[in-house]
Amino acid sequence: MKTITATNANRHFQKVLREVSRGEVFTVLSRGKKVASIVPASQEAERRRESAKHSLLKRLAGEKMVLGVSWNRDELYDR
């Protein structure tokens, strides 16, 4: 795992991406504090995302479409 400042990550983003594609992991620091991690995208994570998207779209396709209804904030959110 490598550590890089946000400024350097921005300046050398293509290089960082090349290294990440080879399996390297970066921790990004902003003002000395960890703010992000840049990690390789795994095939398993991508498969789970696609499966979740497919399930959501399938469920939404079965929902009745509501047109011409105007909700207020209290109706949209449980309070």
C-alpha atoms as a PDB file:
ATOM      1  CA  MET A   1       0.000   0.000   0.000  1.00  0.00           C
ATOM      2  CA  LYS A   2       1.251   3.441  -0.922  1.00  0.00           C
ATOM      3  CA  THR A   3       0.340   6.820   0.517  1.00  0.00           C
ATOM      4  CA  ILE A   4      -0.097   9.890  -1.685  1.00  0.00           C
ATOM      5  CA  THR A   5      -1.276  13.441  -1.074  1.00  0.00           C
ATOM      6  CA  ALA A   6      -4.448  14.603  -2.767  1.00  0.00           C
ATOM      7  CA  THR A   7      -2.419  17.171  -4.710  1.00  0.00           C
ATOM      8  CA  ASN A   8       0.019  14.569  -6.038  1.00  0.00           C
ATOM      9  CA  ALA A   9      -2.807  12.129  -6.778  1.00  0.00           C
ATOM     10  CA  ASN A  10      -4.393  14.845  -8.878  1.00  0.00           C
ATOM     11  CA  ARG A  11      -1.147  15.772 -10.644  1.00  0.00           C
ATOM     12  CA  HIS A  12      -0.188  12.159 -11.382  1.00  0.00           C
ATOM     13  CA  PHE A  13      -3.608  10.570 -11.734  1.00  0.00           C
ATOM     14  CA  GLN A  14      -2.795   8.564 -14.882  1.00  0.00           C
ATOM     15  CA  LYS A  15       0.280   7.075 -13.205  1.00  0.00           C
ATOM     16  CA  VAL A  16      -1.749   6.241 -10.092  1.00  0.00           C
ATOM     17  CA  LEU A  17      -4.402   4.522 -12.224  1.00  0.00           C
ATOM     18  CA  ARG A  18      -1.761   2.486 -14.048  1.00  0.00           C
ATOM     19  CA  GLU A  19      -0.333   1.293 -10.743  1.00  0.00           C
ATOM     20  CA  VAL A  20      -3.797   0.529  -9.356  1.00  0.00           C
ATOM     21  CA  SER A  21      -4.577  -1.510 -12.465  1.00  0.00           C
ATOM     22  CA  ARG A  22      -1.498  -3.597 -11.597  1.00  0.00           C
ATOM     23  CA  GLY A  23      -2.848  -4.255  -8.089  1.00  0.00           C
ATOM     24  CA  GLU A  24      -1.367  -1.383  -6.068  1.00  0.00           C
ATOM     25  CA  VAL A  25      -3.500   0.276  -3.381  1.00  0.00           C
ATOM     26  CA  PHE A  26      -3.191   3.987  -2.570  1.00  0.00           C
ATOM     27  CA  THR A  27      -4.273   5.875   0.537  1.00  0.00           C
ATOM     28  CA  VAL A  28      -4.970   9.523  -0.279  1.00  0.00           C
ATOM     29  CA  LEU A  29      -4.138  12.158   2.343  1.00  0.00           C
ATOM     30  CA  SER A  30      -5.504  15.676   2.581  1.00  0.00           C
ATOM     31  CA  ARG A  31      -3.746  17.890   5.087  1.00  0.00           C
ATOM     32  CA  GLY A  32      -2.241  14.780   6.639  1.00  0.00           C
ATOM     33  CA  LYS A  33      -5.547  12.983   7.168  1.00  0.00           C
ATOM     34  CA  LYS A  34      -6.713   9.875   5.311  1.00  0.00           C
ATOM     35  CA  VAL A  35      -9.600  10.826   3.054  1.00  0.00           C
ATOM     36  CA  ALA A  36      -9.801   8.057   0.456  1.00  0.00           C
ATOM     37  CA  SER A  37      -8.449   4.806  -0.826  1.00  0.00           C
ATOM     38  CA  ILE A  38      -7.902   3.979  -4.470  1.00  0.00           C
ATOM     39  CA  VAL A  39      -8.117   0.234  -4.947  1.00  0.00           C
ATOM     40  CA  PRO A  40      -8.392  -2.063  -7.952  1.00  0.00           C
ATOM     41  CA  ALA A  41     -11.941  -2.827  -9.018  1.00  0.00           C
ATOM     42  CA  SER A  42     -12.536  -6.490  -8.397  1.00  0.00           C
ATOM     43  CA  GLN A  43     -14.543  -8.681 -10.713  1.00  0.00           C
ATOM     44  CA  GLU A  44     -16.542  -9.980  -7.732  1.00  0.00           C
ATOM     45  CA  ALA A  45     -17.554  -6.454  -6.701  1.00  0.00           C
ATOM     46  CA  GLU A  46     -18.555  -5.686 -10.287  1.00  0.00           C
ATOM     47  CA  ARG A  47     -20.621  -8.884 -10.451  1.00  0.00           C
ATOM     48  CA  ARG A  48     -22.427  -7.978  -7.198  1.00  0.00           C
ATOM     49  CA  ARG A  49     -23.125  -4.453  -8.470  1.00  0.00           C
ATOM     50  CA  GLU A  50     -24.564  -5.764 -11.731  1.00  0.00           C
ATOM     51  CA  SER A  51     -26.677  -8.326  -9.865  1.00  0.00           C
ATOM     52  CA  ALA A  52     -28.040  -5.650  -7.519  1.00  0.00           C
ATOM     53  CA  LYS A  53     -28.796  -3.348 -10.464  1.00  0.00           C
ATOM     54  CA  HIS A  54     -30.599  -6.152 -12.297  1.00  0.00           C
ATOM     55  CA  SER A  55     -32.677  -6.980  -9.192  1.00  0.00           C
ATOM     56  CA  LEU A  56     -33.613  -3.337  -8.656  1.00  0.00           C
ATOM     57  CA  LEU A  57     -34.620  -2.802 -12.286  1.00  0.00           C
ATOM     58  CA  LYS A  58     -36.681  -6.002 -12.237  1.00  0.00           C
ATOM     59  CA  ARG A  59     -38.495  -4.871  -9.071  1.00  0.00           C
ATOM     60  CA  LEU A  60     -39.068  -1.364 -10.424  1.00  0.00           C
ATOM     61  CA  ALA A  61     -40.457  -2.754 -13.685  1.00  0.00           C
ATOM     62  CA  GLY A  62     -43.206  -4.425 -11.651  1.00  0.00           C
ATOM     63  CA  GLU A  63     -44.149  -1.239  -9.800  1.00  0.00           C
ATOM     64  CA  LYS A  64     -47.140   0.813 -10.850  1.00  0.00           C
ATOM     65  CA  MET A  65     -46.174   4.181 -12.349  1.00  0.00           C
ATOM     66  CA  VAL A  66     -47.591   7.193 -10.520  1.00  0.00           C
ATOM     67  CA  LEU A  67     -48.315  10.237 -12.661  1.00  0.00           C
ATOM     68  CA  GLY A  68     -49.717  13.613 -11.794  1.00  0.00           C
ATOM     69  CA  VAL A  69     -49.260  13.253  -8.031  1.00  0.00           C
ATOM     70  CA  SER A  70     -47.621  15.981  -6.017  1.00  0.00           C
ATOM     71  CA  TRP A  71     -46.167  14.916  -2.674  1.00  0.00           C
ATOM     72  CA  ASN A  72     -44.957  17.186   0.055  1.00  0.00           C
ATOM     73  CA  ARG A  73     -41.776  16.636   2.074  1.00  0.00           C
ATOM     74  CA  ASP A  74     -43.557  15.036   5.054  1.00  0.00           C
ATOM     75  CA  GLU A  75     -45.227  12.477   2.796  1.00  0.00           C
ATOM     76  CA  LEU A  76     -41.914  11.515   1.211  1.00  0.00           C
ATOM     77  CA  TYR A  77     -39.965  11.002   4.431  1.00  0.00           C
ATOM     78  CA  ASP A  78     -40.847   9.204   7.640  1.00  0.00           C
ATOM     79  CA  ARG A  79     -40.572  11.666  10.481  1.00  0.00           C
END
